[in-house]
Amino acid sequence: MAYKTLTKAILVAGMTLGAVSGVSAADAKLMMGASPAMLANNCQGCHGTDGASVGPASPTIAGLSKDYFIEVMEGFASGDVYSTIMGRIAKGYDKKELEQLAEHYAALPFVKAVQPFDPAKVKKGAKLHDRYCEKCHAKGGQSAEDDAGVLAGQWVQYTQWQMDDFRTGHRTAPKKMTKKVKKLLSKEGTAGTDALLNYYASQQK
């Protein structure tokens, strides 16, 4: 009986090795590693359950496009995108894990933040969005299809910080965005960005 049991164990081991032999080392490691949901657990402390942030300092990351998510995370890891702690966190993921995370969050709905706004500034903000932002942040800032960040319903404080980083050079903006922001500020000043932020904050449904 012991001989038969040992023989069976050797055969099973051989079959397992044969099945794995056609898989690359990187893929085998990924197969043995964490699932997308497990990887996402590391993000919940700051970005909320299912990527729906509950505080103004961290953005909601659910519903972002896959390409945009990967681009920003790789920027954090390389230092090309300014950050506080995300640079260190992003370095902990390999390319396949980033793809897993990106697909996971892209499949989740973007949950708009419920936050205060000034109704008197919303109408002007809507007009300024159409003039300066709609081309990349379509559908009033709600679309993620142009591989840009979602603005409508994002936390105002976070969006303000990002605008400040772009304006001061802490974060490099695309050429088109740089041109639009400069034009906006030259014509409207900070009152223009304030109106925009109130417009985005007003979109809560």
N, C-alpha and C. Protein backbone atom coordinates (compact mmCIF):
# COMPACT_ATOMS: atom_id res chain seq x y z
N MET A 1 0.83 -1.21 0.00
CA MET A 1 0.00 0.00 0.00
C MET A 1 0.86 1.25 0.00
N ALA A 2 1.95 1.23 0.82
CA ALA A 2 2.83 2.39 0.91
C ALA A 2 3.49 2.65 -0.43
N TYR A 3 3.87 1.53 -1.12
CA TYR A 3 4.52 1.65 -2.43
C TYR A 3 3.57 2.30 -3.43
N LYS A 4 2.30 1.84 -3.47
CA LYS A 4 1.31 2.39 -4.39
C LYS A 4 1.04 3.87 -4.12
N THR A 5 0.98 4.21 -2.83
CA THR A 5 0.73 5.61 -2.45
C THR A 5 1.87 6.50 -2.90
N LEU A 6 3.10 6.05 -2.70
CA LEU A 6 4.27 6.81 -3.10
C LEU A 6 4.31 6.99 -4.60
N THR A 7 3.99 5.92 -5.34
CA THR A 7 3.99 5.97 -6.81
C THR A 7 2.96 6.99 -7.31
N LYS A 8 1.78 6.97 -6.70
CA LYS A 8 0.71 7.90 -7.10
C LYS A 8 1.14 9.33 -6.84
N ALA A 9 1.80 9.57 -5.72
CA ALA A 9 2.26 10.92 -5.37
C ALA A 9 3.28 11.42 -6.37
N ILE A 10 4.17 10.52 -6.81
CA ILE A 10 5.20 10.90 -7.78
C ILE A 10 4.55 11.24 -9.12
N LEU A 11 3.55 10.46 -9.53
CA LEU A 11 2.86 10.71 -10.79
C LEU A 11 2.13 12.06 -10.77
N VAL A 12 1.46 12.37 -9.65
CA VAL A 12 0.75 13.65 -9.52
C VAL A 12 1.73 14.81 -9.59
N ALA A 13 2.86 14.66 -8.90
CA ALA A 13 3.87 15.71 -8.92
C ALA A 13 4.40 15.93 -10.32
N GLY A 14 4.62 14.83 -11.04
CA GLY A 14 5.11 14.94 -12.41
C GLY A 14 4.13 15.64 -13.31
N MET A 15 2.84 15.32 -13.18
CA MET A 15 1.81 15.96 -13.98
C MET A 15 1.74 17.46 -13.69
N THR A 16 1.89 17.82 -12.40
CA THR A 16 1.85 19.23 -12.00
C THR A 16 3.00 20.00 -12.60
N LEU A 17 4.20 19.39 -12.53
CA LEU A 17 5.37 20.05 -13.11
C LEU A 17 5.23 20.20 -14.61
N GLY A 18 4.64 19.18 -15.25
CA GLY A 18 4.44 19.24 -16.70
C GLY A 18 3.50 20.35 -17.08
N ALA A 19 2.46 20.55 -16.28
CA ALA A 19 1.47 21.60 -16.58
C ALA A 19 2.07 22.97 -16.41
N VAL A 20 2.95 23.12 -15.42
CA VAL A 20 3.54 24.43 -15.12
C VAL A 20 4.71 24.76 -16.04
N SER A 21 5.31 23.72 -16.65
CA SER A 21 6.53 23.93 -17.43
C SER A 21 6.33 24.88 -18.60
N GLY A 22 5.09 24.98 -19.10
CA GLY A 22 4.84 25.87 -20.23
C GLY A 22 4.51 27.29 -19.83
N VAL A 23 4.56 27.60 -18.53
CA VAL A 23 4.24 28.93 -18.02
C VAL A 23 5.53 29.65 -17.66
N SER A 24 5.63 30.92 -18.04
CA SER A 24 6.83 31.70 -17.74
C SER A 24 6.95 31.90 -16.23
N ALA A 25 8.14 32.23 -15.78
CA ALA A 25 8.37 32.43 -14.36
C ALA A 25 7.52 33.57 -13.82
N ALA A 26 7.41 34.65 -14.62
CA ALA A 26 6.63 35.82 -14.19
C ALA A 26 5.16 35.47 -14.06
N ASP A 27 4.64 34.71 -15.05
CA ASP A 27 3.22 34.32 -15.01
C ASP A 27 2.95 33.35 -13.87
N ALA A 28 3.90 32.44 -13.64
CA ALA A 28 3.73 31.49 -12.55
C ALA A 28 3.68 32.19 -11.22
N LYS A 29 4.53 33.22 -11.07
CA LYS A 29 4.54 34.01 -9.83
C LYS A 29 3.21 34.72 -9.65
N LEU A 30 2.68 35.26 -10.74
CA LEU A 30 1.40 35.98 -10.68
C LEU A 30 0.27 35.02 -10.34
N MET A 31 0.32 33.80 -10.92
CA MET A 31 -0.70 32.79 -10.65
C MET A 31 -0.71 32.41 -9.18
N MET A 32 0.46 32.43 -8.57
CA MET A 32 0.57 32.06 -7.17
C MET A 32 0.32 33.24 -6.26
N GLY A 33 0.24 34.47 -6.82
CA GLY A 33 0.14 35.68 -6.03
C GLY A 33 -1.27 36.10 -5.71
N ALA A 34 -1.42 37.39 -5.41
CA ALA A 34 -2.70 37.92 -4.95
C ALA A 34 -3.66 38.16 -6.11
N SER A 35 -4.93 38.05 -5.81
CA SER A 35 -5.97 38.38 -6.77
C SER A 35 -6.11 39.89 -6.84
N PRO A 36 -6.79 40.43 -7.88
CA PRO A 36 -7.00 41.87 -7.96
C PRO A 36 -7.67 42.44 -6.70
N ALA A 37 -8.65 41.72 -6.17
CA ALA A 37 -9.34 42.19 -4.96
C ALA A 37 -8.39 42.26 -3.77
N MET A 38 -7.49 41.28 -3.68
CA MET A 38 -6.51 41.28 -2.59
C MET A 38 -5.53 42.42 -2.74
N LEU A 39 -5.09 42.67 -3.97
CA LEU A 39 -4.19 43.79 -4.21
C LEU A 39 -4.86 45.12 -3.85
N ALA A 40 -6.14 45.21 -4.16
CA ALA A 40 -6.88 46.44 -3.91
C ALA A 40 -7.10 46.70 -2.42
N ASN A 41 -6.97 45.67 -1.60
CA ASN A 41 -7.13 45.86 -0.16
C ASN A 41 -6.13 46.88 0.39
N ASN A 42 -4.96 46.94 -0.25
CA ASN A 42 -3.93 47.88 0.20
C ASN A 42 -4.33 49.33 -0.05
N CYS A 43 -5.29 49.55 -0.93
CA CYS A 43 -5.68 50.91 -1.31
C CYS A 43 -6.84 51.45 -0.47
N GLN A 44 -7.54 50.55 0.21
CA GLN A 44 -8.78 50.95 0.86
C GLN A 44 -8.59 51.91 2.02
N GLY A 45 -7.45 51.85 2.69
CA GLY A 45 -7.22 52.72 3.83
C GLY A 45 -7.31 54.19 3.48
N CYS A 46 -6.85 54.55 2.28
CA CYS A 46 -6.89 55.95 1.85
C CYS A 46 -8.00 56.23 0.84
N HIS A 47 -8.22 55.29 -0.07
CA HIS A 47 -9.15 55.52 -1.19
C HIS A 47 -10.53 54.89 -0.99
N GLY A 48 -10.76 54.33 0.18
CA GLY A 48 -12.09 53.83 0.51
C GLY A 48 -12.41 52.47 -0.08
N THR A 49 -13.48 51.87 0.44
CA THR A 49 -13.94 50.58 -0.07
C THR A 49 -14.33 50.70 -1.54
N ASP A 50 -13.81 49.78 -2.35
CA ASP A 50 -14.07 49.78 -3.79
C ASP A 50 -13.64 51.09 -4.46
N GLY A 51 -12.65 51.76 -3.88
CA GLY A 51 -12.09 52.96 -4.51
C GLY A 51 -12.94 54.20 -4.38
N ALA A 52 -13.97 54.17 -3.52
CA ALA A 52 -14.84 55.33 -3.32
C ALA A 52 -14.37 56.07 -2.07
N SER A 53 -13.57 57.10 -2.25
CA SER A 53 -12.98 57.83 -1.14
C SER A 53 -14.04 58.52 -0.28
N VAL A 54 -13.80 58.53 1.02
CA VAL A 54 -14.74 59.18 1.94
C VAL A 54 -14.14 60.45 2.55
N GLY A 55 -12.98 60.86 2.08
CA GLY A 55 -12.35 62.06 2.62
C GLY A 55 -11.71 62.90 1.55
N PRO A 56 -11.61 64.21 1.76
CA PRO A 56 -11.17 65.12 0.71
C PRO A 56 -9.70 65.06 0.33
N ALA A 57 -8.87 64.44 1.17
CA ALA A 57 -7.44 64.41 0.88
C ALA A 57 -7.05 63.34 -0.13
N SER A 58 -7.89 62.32 -0.28
CA SER A 58 -7.58 61.22 -1.21
C SER A 58 -8.67 61.14 -2.27
N PRO A 59 -8.28 60.95 -3.52
CA PRO A 59 -9.28 60.92 -4.60
C PRO A 59 -10.01 59.58 -4.68
N THR A 60 -11.19 59.62 -5.23
CA THR A 60 -11.88 58.40 -5.62
C THR A 60 -11.18 57.85 -6.86
N ILE A 61 -10.84 56.56 -6.84
CA ILE A 61 -10.11 55.97 -7.96
C ILE A 61 -10.94 54.94 -8.73
N ALA A 62 -12.13 54.62 -8.22
CA ALA A 62 -13.02 53.72 -8.95
C ALA A 62 -13.53 54.43 -10.20
N GLY A 63 -13.66 53.68 -11.28
CA GLY A 63 -14.22 54.24 -12.50
C GLY A 63 -13.23 54.95 -13.39
N LEU A 64 -11.97 55.04 -12.98
CA LEU A 64 -10.96 55.65 -13.84
C LEU A 64 -10.61 54.70 -14.98
N SER A 65 -10.18 55.25 -16.10
CA SER A 65 -9.82 54.38 -17.22
C SER A 65 -8.57 53.58 -16.87
N LYS A 66 -8.47 52.40 -17.45
CA LYS A 66 -7.32 51.53 -17.20
C LYS A 66 -6.02 52.22 -17.58
N ASP A 67 -5.99 52.82 -18.77
CA ASP A 67 -4.76 53.46 -19.25
C ASP A 67 -4.34 54.62 -18.36
N TYR A 68 -5.32 55.42 -17.94
CA TYR A 68 -5.02 56.56 -17.08
C TYR A 68 -4.47 56.08 -15.74
N PHE A 69 -5.09 55.06 -15.16
CA PHE A 69 -4.66 54.51 -13.88
C PHE A 69 -3.20 54.06 -13.96
N ILE A 70 -2.89 53.27 -14.99
CA ILE A 70 -1.52 52.75 -15.15
C ILE A 70 -0.53 53.88 -15.37
N GLU A 71 -0.90 54.83 -16.21
CA GLU A 71 -0.01 55.96 -16.51
C GLU A 71 0.37 56.73 -15.25
N VAL A 72 -0.62 57.01 -14.41
CA VAL A 72 -0.36 57.77 -13.19
C VAL A 72 0.45 56.94 -12.19
N MET A 73 0.11 55.66 -12.05
CA MET A 73 0.85 54.82 -11.10
C MET A 73 2.30 54.64 -11.54
N GLU A 74 2.53 54.48 -12.82
CA GLU A 74 3.91 54.38 -13.31
C GLU A 74 4.63 55.71 -13.12
N GLY A 75 3.89 56.81 -13.26
CA GLY A 75 4.48 58.14 -13.01
C GLY A 75 4.87 58.31 -11.56
N PHE A 76 4.04 57.81 -10.65
CA PHE A 76 4.38 57.86 -9.23
C PHE A 76 5.66 57.07 -8.98
N ALA A 77 5.71 55.86 -9.53
CA ALA A 77 6.84 54.97 -9.29
C ALA A 77 8.16 55.54 -9.82
N SER A 78 8.09 56.20 -10.97
CA SER A 78 9.30 56.75 -11.59
C SER A 78 9.67 58.12 -11.02
N GLY A 79 8.72 58.77 -10.36
CA GLY A 79 8.96 60.11 -9.85
C GLY A 79 8.53 61.19 -10.82
N ASP A 80 8.04 60.81 -12.00
CA ASP A 80 7.58 61.79 -12.98
C ASP A 80 6.31 62.51 -12.53
N VAL A 81 5.52 61.84 -11.70
CA VAL A 81 4.31 62.45 -11.14
C VAL A 81 4.57 62.73 -9.67
N TYR A 82 4.44 63.99 -9.29
CA TYR A 82 4.70 64.41 -7.91
C TYR A 82 3.73 63.72 -6.95
N SER A 83 4.24 63.31 -5.79
CA SER A 83 3.39 62.66 -4.80
C SER A 83 3.98 62.83 -3.41
N THR A 84 3.22 62.45 -2.41
CA THR A 84 3.73 62.44 -1.05
C THR A 84 4.17 61.02 -0.70
N ILE A 85 3.20 60.09 -0.61
CA ILE A 85 3.56 58.70 -0.29
C ILE A 85 3.34 57.73 -1.45
N MET A 86 2.59 58.17 -2.48
CA MET A 86 2.27 57.24 -3.57
C MET A 86 3.49 56.77 -4.34
N GLY A 87 4.54 57.56 -4.36
CA GLY A 87 5.76 57.15 -5.05
C GLY A 87 6.34 55.88 -4.45
N ARG A 88 6.30 55.80 -3.12
CA ARG A 88 6.81 54.61 -2.44
C ARG A 88 5.85 53.43 -2.62
N ILE A 89 4.57 53.71 -2.55
CA ILE A 89 3.58 52.63 -2.66
C ILE A 89 3.59 52.04 -4.07
N ALA A 90 3.63 52.88 -5.09
CA ALA A 90 3.56 52.42 -6.48
C ALA A 90 4.74 51.52 -6.85
N LYS A 91 5.88 51.74 -6.22
CA LYS A 91 7.06 50.92 -6.52
C LYS A 91 6.89 49.47 -6.06
N GLY A 92 5.89 49.22 -5.22
CA GLY A 92 5.68 47.88 -4.71
C GLY A 92 4.92 46.97 -5.65
N TYR A 93 4.47 47.50 -6.79
CA TYR A 93 3.70 46.69 -7.75
C TYR A 93 4.49 46.50 -9.04
N ASP A 94 4.44 45.29 -9.60
CA ASP A 94 5.04 45.09 -10.91
C ASP A 94 4.00 45.43 -11.99
N LYS A 95 4.40 45.33 -13.24
CA LYS A 95 3.54 45.75 -14.34
C LYS A 95 2.23 44.98 -14.38
N LYS A 96 2.30 43.67 -14.21
CA LYS A 96 1.09 42.85 -14.27
C LYS A 96 0.15 43.17 -13.11
N GLU A 97 0.71 43.43 -11.95
CA GLU A 97 -0.13 43.78 -10.80
C GLU A 97 -0.81 45.13 -11.02
N LEU A 98 -0.11 46.08 -11.64
CA LEU A 98 -0.72 47.37 -11.95
C LEU A 98 -1.88 47.18 -12.94
N GLU A 99 -1.67 46.30 -13.91
CA GLU A 99 -2.75 46.01 -14.87
C GLU A 99 -3.95 45.39 -14.17
N GLN A 100 -3.68 44.50 -13.23
CA GLN A 100 -4.77 43.90 -12.46
C GLN A 100 -5.55 44.96 -11.69
N LEU A 101 -4.82 45.84 -11.02
CA LEU A 101 -5.46 46.90 -10.24
C LEU A 101 -6.26 47.83 -11.14
N ALA A 102 -5.66 48.19 -12.29
CA ALA A 102 -6.32 49.11 -13.22
C ALA A 102 -7.63 48.52 -13.73
N GLU A 103 -7.61 47.25 -14.10
CA GLU A 103 -8.83 46.59 -14.58
C GLU A 103 -9.87 46.48 -13.47
N HIS A 104 -9.39 46.22 -12.27
CA HIS A 104 -10.30 46.08 -11.12
C HIS A 104 -11.05 47.39 -10.88
N TYR A 105 -10.32 48.50 -10.82
CA TYR A 105 -10.96 49.78 -10.52
C TYR A 105 -11.74 50.35 -11.71
N ALA A 106 -11.29 50.07 -12.91
CA ALA A 106 -12.01 50.55 -14.09
C ALA A 106 -13.40 49.94 -14.18
N ALA A 107 -13.55 48.75 -13.63
CA ALA A 107 -14.83 48.05 -13.69
C ALA A 107 -15.81 48.50 -12.61
N LEU A 108 -15.34 49.30 -11.67
CA LEU A 108 -16.18 49.76 -10.57
C LEU A 108 -16.79 51.13 -10.89
N PRO A 109 -17.96 51.44 -10.35
CA PRO A 109 -18.59 52.74 -10.62
C PRO A 109 -17.90 53.86 -9.86
N PHE A 110 -17.80 55.02 -10.49
CA PHE A 110 -17.28 56.21 -9.82
C PHE A 110 -18.37 56.76 -8.91
N VAL A 111 -18.09 56.84 -7.62
CA VAL A 111 -19.06 57.33 -6.65
C VAL A 111 -18.75 58.79 -6.36
N LYS A 112 -19.68 59.67 -6.73
CA LYS A 112 -19.45 61.11 -6.57
C LYS A 112 -19.55 61.53 -5.11
N ALA A 113 -18.65 62.40 -4.72
CA ALA A 113 -18.61 62.88 -3.34
C ALA A 113 -19.75 63.86 -3.08
N VAL A 114 -20.35 63.72 -1.92
CA VAL A 114 -21.36 64.68 -1.48
C VAL A 114 -20.64 65.74 -0.66
N GLN A 115 -20.56 66.96 -1.18
CA GLN A 115 -19.77 68.01 -0.56
C GLN A 115 -20.42 69.37 -0.82
N PRO A 116 -20.10 70.36 -0.01
CA PRO A 116 -20.71 71.68 -0.20
C PRO A 116 -20.18 72.39 -1.45
N PHE A 117 -21.01 73.29 -2.00
CA PHE A 117 -20.59 74.11 -3.14
C PHE A 117 -21.42 75.38 -3.13
N ASP A 118 -20.95 76.37 -3.87
CA ASP A 118 -21.63 77.66 -3.96
C ASP A 118 -22.49 77.67 -5.23
N PRO A 119 -23.81 77.60 -5.09
CA PRO A 119 -24.68 77.57 -6.28
C PRO A 119 -24.50 78.77 -7.20
N ALA A 120 -24.08 79.92 -6.64
CA ALA A 120 -23.92 81.13 -7.44
C ALA A 120 -22.76 81.03 -8.42
N LYS A 121 -21.85 80.09 -8.16
CA LYS A 121 -20.66 79.96 -9.00
C LYS A 121 -20.75 78.80 -10.01
N VAL A 122 -21.76 77.98 -9.86
CA VAL A 122 -21.87 76.77 -10.68
C VAL A 122 -22.09 77.09 -12.15
N LYS A 123 -22.98 78.03 -12.45
CA LYS A 123 -23.30 78.37 -13.84
C LYS A 123 -22.07 78.88 -14.59
N LYS A 124 -21.31 79.75 -13.93
CA LYS A 124 -20.09 80.25 -14.56
C LYS A 124 -19.08 79.12 -14.73
N GLY A 125 -18.99 78.26 -13.72
CA GLY A 125 -18.06 77.13 -13.80
C GLY A 125 -18.38 76.20 -14.96
N ALA A 126 -19.68 76.00 -15.22
CA ALA A 126 -20.10 75.15 -16.34
C ALA A 126 -19.65 75.74 -17.66
N LYS A 127 -19.79 77.05 -17.79
CA LYS A 127 -19.37 77.72 -19.03
C LYS A 127 -17.86 77.64 -19.22
N LEU A 128 -17.13 77.82 -18.13
CA LEU A 128 -15.67 77.75 -18.21
C LEU A 128 -15.21 76.33 -18.53
N HIS A 129 -15.90 75.35 -17.99
CA HIS A 129 -15.56 73.96 -18.32
C HIS A 129 -15.72 73.72 -19.81
N ASP A 130 -16.86 74.15 -20.36
CA ASP A 130 -17.11 73.94 -21.80
C ASP A 130 -16.03 74.61 -22.65
N ARG A 131 -15.54 75.74 -22.18
CA ARG A 131 -14.58 76.51 -22.96
C ARG A 131 -13.15 75.97 -22.83
N TYR A 132 -12.78 75.52 -21.63
CA TYR A 132 -11.38 75.19 -21.39
C TYR A 132 -11.09 73.69 -21.12
N CYS A 133 -12.08 72.94 -20.70
CA CYS A 133 -11.80 71.59 -20.20
C CYS A 133 -12.52 70.45 -20.91
N GLU A 134 -13.63 70.75 -21.57
CA GLU A 134 -14.50 69.71 -22.11
C GLU A 134 -13.82 68.80 -23.12
N LYS A 135 -12.87 69.33 -23.87
CA LYS A 135 -12.25 68.54 -24.93
C LYS A 135 -11.58 67.27 -24.39
N CYS A 136 -10.96 67.37 -23.21
CA CYS A 136 -10.30 66.21 -22.63
C CYS A 136 -11.13 65.56 -21.52
N HIS A 137 -11.85 66.38 -20.76
CA HIS A 137 -12.68 65.88 -19.66
C HIS A 137 -14.14 65.97 -20.09
N ALA A 138 -14.53 65.06 -20.98
CA ALA A 138 -15.82 65.14 -21.65
C ALA A 138 -17.00 64.90 -20.70
N LYS A 139 -18.18 65.22 -21.24
CA LYS A 139 -19.45 65.04 -20.52
C LYS A 139 -19.46 65.78 -19.19
N GLY A 140 -18.99 67.02 -19.25
CA GLY A 140 -18.99 67.84 -18.04
C GLY A 140 -18.00 67.39 -16.99
N GLY A 141 -16.96 66.69 -17.44
CA GLY A 141 -15.95 66.19 -16.51
C GLY A 141 -16.24 64.82 -15.95
N GLN A 142 -17.30 64.17 -16.44
CA GLN A 142 -17.69 62.87 -15.91
C GLN A 142 -17.06 61.69 -16.64
N SER A 143 -16.64 61.88 -17.88
CA SER A 143 -16.16 60.76 -18.68
C SER A 143 -14.72 60.39 -18.36
N ALA A 144 -14.46 59.09 -18.35
CA ALA A 144 -13.09 58.60 -18.21
C ALA A 144 -12.59 58.03 -19.53
N GLU A 145 -13.37 58.16 -20.58
CA GLU A 145 -13.06 57.52 -21.86
C GLU A 145 -11.90 58.16 -22.60
N ASP A 146 -11.60 59.42 -22.30
CA ASP A 146 -10.48 60.09 -22.97
C ASP A 146 -9.17 59.87 -22.24
N ASP A 147 -9.17 58.90 -21.32
CA ASP A 147 -7.98 58.58 -20.53
C ASP A 147 -7.48 59.78 -19.74
N ALA A 148 -8.44 60.55 -19.22
CA ALA A 148 -8.13 61.67 -18.35
C ALA A 148 -8.84 61.45 -17.02
N GLY A 149 -8.44 62.18 -16.01
CA GLY A 149 -9.07 62.01 -14.71
C GLY A 149 -10.52 62.47 -14.70
N VAL A 150 -11.32 61.83 -13.86
CA VAL A 150 -12.71 62.24 -13.69
C VAL A 150 -12.74 63.43 -12.75
N LEU A 151 -13.39 64.52 -13.17
CA LEU A 151 -13.44 65.73 -12.37
C LEU A 151 -14.78 65.91 -11.67
N ALA A 152 -15.86 65.57 -12.35
CA ALA A 152 -17.20 65.76 -11.80
C ALA A 152 -17.42 64.85 -10.61
N GLY A 153 -17.68 65.44 -9.44
CA GLY A 153 -17.91 64.64 -8.25
C GLY A 153 -16.66 64.22 -7.51
N GLN A 154 -15.49 64.60 -8.02
CA GLN A 154 -14.25 64.32 -7.29
C GLN A 154 -14.15 65.30 -6.12
N TRP A 155 -13.41 64.92 -5.09
CA TRP A 155 -13.26 65.81 -3.94
C TRP A 155 -12.59 67.12 -4.36
N VAL A 156 -13.20 68.25 -3.97
CA VAL A 156 -12.71 69.56 -4.37
C VAL A 156 -11.31 69.84 -3.84
N GLN A 157 -11.08 69.50 -2.59
CA GLN A 157 -9.77 69.78 -2.00
C GLN A 157 -8.67 69.06 -2.76
N TYR A 158 -8.90 67.81 -3.10
CA TYR A 158 -7.90 67.05 -3.86
C TYR A 158 -7.69 67.69 -5.23
N THR A 159 -8.79 68.02 -5.93
CA THR A 159 -8.68 68.62 -7.26
C THR A 159 -7.94 69.95 -7.19
N GLN A 160 -8.20 70.72 -6.15
CA GLN A 160 -7.50 71.99 -5.97
C GLN A 160 -6.00 71.77 -5.81
N TRP A 161 -5.63 70.78 -5.02
CA TRP A 161 -4.22 70.48 -4.84
C TRP A 161 -3.55 70.08 -6.15
N GLN A 162 -4.25 69.30 -6.96
CA GLN A 162 -3.70 68.90 -8.25
C GLN A 162 -3.52 70.10 -9.17
N MET A 163 -4.50 70.99 -9.17
CA MET A 163 -4.39 72.22 -9.98
C MET A 163 -3.20 73.05 -9.53
N ASP A 164 -2.99 73.14 -8.22
CA ASP A 164 -1.85 73.89 -7.69
C ASP A 164 -0.54 73.24 -8.11
N ASP A 165 -0.50 71.90 -8.10
CA ASP A 165 0.72 71.20 -8.51
C ASP A 165 1.03 71.45 -9.98
N PHE A 166 0.00 71.44 -10.82
CA PHE A 166 0.19 71.73 -12.25
C PHE A 166 0.66 73.18 -12.44
N ARG A 167 0.02 74.08 -11.71
CA ARG A 167 0.31 75.51 -11.88
C ARG A 167 1.72 75.87 -11.42
N THR A 168 2.19 75.25 -10.34
CA THR A 168 3.50 75.56 -9.78
C THR A 168 4.63 74.74 -10.40
N GLY A 169 4.28 73.75 -11.22
CA GLY A 169 5.31 72.93 -11.85
C GLY A 169 5.69 71.69 -11.07
N HIS A 170 5.03 71.42 -9.94
CA HIS A 170 5.29 70.19 -9.20
C HIS A 170 4.88 68.96 -10.02
N ARG A 171 3.89 69.18 -10.85
CA ARG A 171 3.43 68.11 -11.73
C ARG A 171 3.35 68.64 -13.15
N THR A 172 3.87 67.86 -14.09
CA THR A 172 3.90 68.31 -15.48
C THR A 172 2.57 68.03 -16.17
N ALA A 173 1.99 69.05 -16.70
CA ALA A 173 0.71 68.91 -17.42
C ALA A 173 0.96 68.69 -18.90
N PRO A 174 0.05 68.02 -19.59
CA PRO A 174 0.15 67.92 -21.05
C PRO A 174 0.16 69.32 -21.66
N LYS A 175 0.77 69.45 -22.83
CA LYS A 175 0.91 70.77 -23.45
C LYS A 175 -0.44 71.46 -23.65
N LYS A 176 -1.43 70.68 -24.10
CA LYS A 176 -2.75 71.27 -24.32
C LYS A 176 -3.35 71.81 -23.03
N MET A 177 -3.17 71.05 -21.95
CA MET A 177 -3.71 71.48 -20.66
C MET A 177 -2.98 72.72 -20.16
N THR A 178 -1.66 72.75 -20.31
CA THR A 178 -0.86 73.90 -19.88
C THR A 178 -1.34 75.17 -20.57
N LYS A 179 -1.57 75.07 -21.86
CA LYS A 179 -2.03 76.21 -22.64
C LYS A 179 -3.40 76.68 -22.19
N LYS A 180 -4.31 75.73 -21.96
CA LYS A 180 -5.67 76.06 -21.54
C LYS A 180 -5.69 76.69 -20.15
N VAL A 181 -4.90 76.13 -19.23
CA VAL A 181 -4.87 76.65 -17.86
C VAL A 181 -4.30 78.07 -17.83
N LYS A 182 -3.24 78.30 -18.59
CA LYS A 182 -2.66 79.64 -18.64
C LYS A 182 -3.65 80.65 -19.19
N LYS A 183 -4.38 80.24 -20.20
CA LYS A 183 -5.38 81.13 -20.81
C LYS A 183 -6.51 81.40 -19.82
N LEU A 184 -6.94 80.35 -19.12
CA LEU A 184 -7.99 80.51 -18.11
C LEU A 184 -7.56 81.47 -17.01
N LEU A 185 -6.36 81.29 -16.48
CA LEU A 185 -5.89 82.13 -15.40
C LEU A 185 -5.66 83.56 -15.83
N SER A 186 -5.19 83.75 -17.06
CA SER A 186 -4.94 85.11 -17.54
C SER A 186 -6.24 85.88 -17.72
N LYS A 187 -7.32 85.19 -18.08
CA LYS A 187 -8.60 85.85 -18.33
C LYS A 187 -9.50 85.90 -17.09
N GLU A 188 -9.45 84.84 -16.29
CA GLU A 188 -10.39 84.73 -15.17
C GLU A 188 -9.74 84.78 -13.80
N GLY A 189 -8.43 84.54 -13.75
CA GLY A 189 -7.75 84.51 -12.46
C GLY A 189 -8.18 83.32 -11.61
N THR A 190 -7.90 83.37 -10.31
CA THR A 190 -8.25 82.26 -9.43
C THR A 190 -9.77 82.14 -9.26
N ALA A 191 -10.50 83.22 -9.56
CA ALA A 191 -11.96 83.15 -9.50
C ALA A 191 -12.48 82.15 -10.52
N GLY A 192 -11.77 82.02 -11.63
CA GLY A 192 -12.16 81.06 -12.66
C GLY A 192 -12.01 79.63 -12.19
N THR A 193 -10.87 79.31 -11.57
CA THR A 193 -10.68 77.95 -11.07
C THR A 193 -11.65 77.65 -9.92
N ASP A 194 -11.94 78.67 -9.12
CA ASP A 194 -12.90 78.50 -8.03
C ASP A 194 -14.29 78.16 -8.59
N ALA A 195 -14.69 78.84 -9.66
CA ALA A 195 -15.98 78.55 -10.29
C ALA A 195 -16.00 77.13 -10.85
N LEU A 196 -14.90 76.71 -11.46
CA LEU A 196 -14.81 75.35 -11.99
C LEU A 196 -14.96 74.31 -10.88
N LEU A 197 -14.26 74.54 -9.78
CA LEU A 197 -14.31 73.58 -8.68
C LEU A 197 -15.72 73.48 -8.10
N ASN A 198 -16.41 74.59 -8.02
CA ASN A 198 -17.79 74.56 -7.52
C ASN A 198 -18.71 73.83 -8.50
N TYR A 199 -18.44 73.99 -9.79
CA TYR A 199 -19.23 73.27 -10.79
C TYR A 199 -19.04 71.76 -10.65
N TYR A 200 -17.80 71.32 -10.51
CA TYR A 200 -17.53 69.89 -10.36
C TYR A 200 -18.11 69.35 -9.05
N ALA A 201 -18.03 70.15 -7.99
CA ALA A 201 -18.57 69.73 -6.70
C ALA A 201 -20.09 69.60 -6.74
N SER A 202 -20.72 70.38 -7.60
CA SER A 202 -22.19 70.38 -7.67
C SER A 202 -22.75 69.11 -8.32
N GLN A 203 -21.90 68.39 -9.04
CA GLN A 203 -22.35 67.19 -9.75
C GLN A 203 -22.27 65.98 -8.80
N GLN A 204 -23.36 65.74 -8.11
CA GLN A 204 -23.40 64.72 -7.08
C GLN A 204 -24.32 63.55 -7.41
N LYS A 205 -24.88 63.54 -8.62
CA LYS A 205 -25.75 62.45 -9.03
C LYS A 205 -25.26 61.82 -10.32
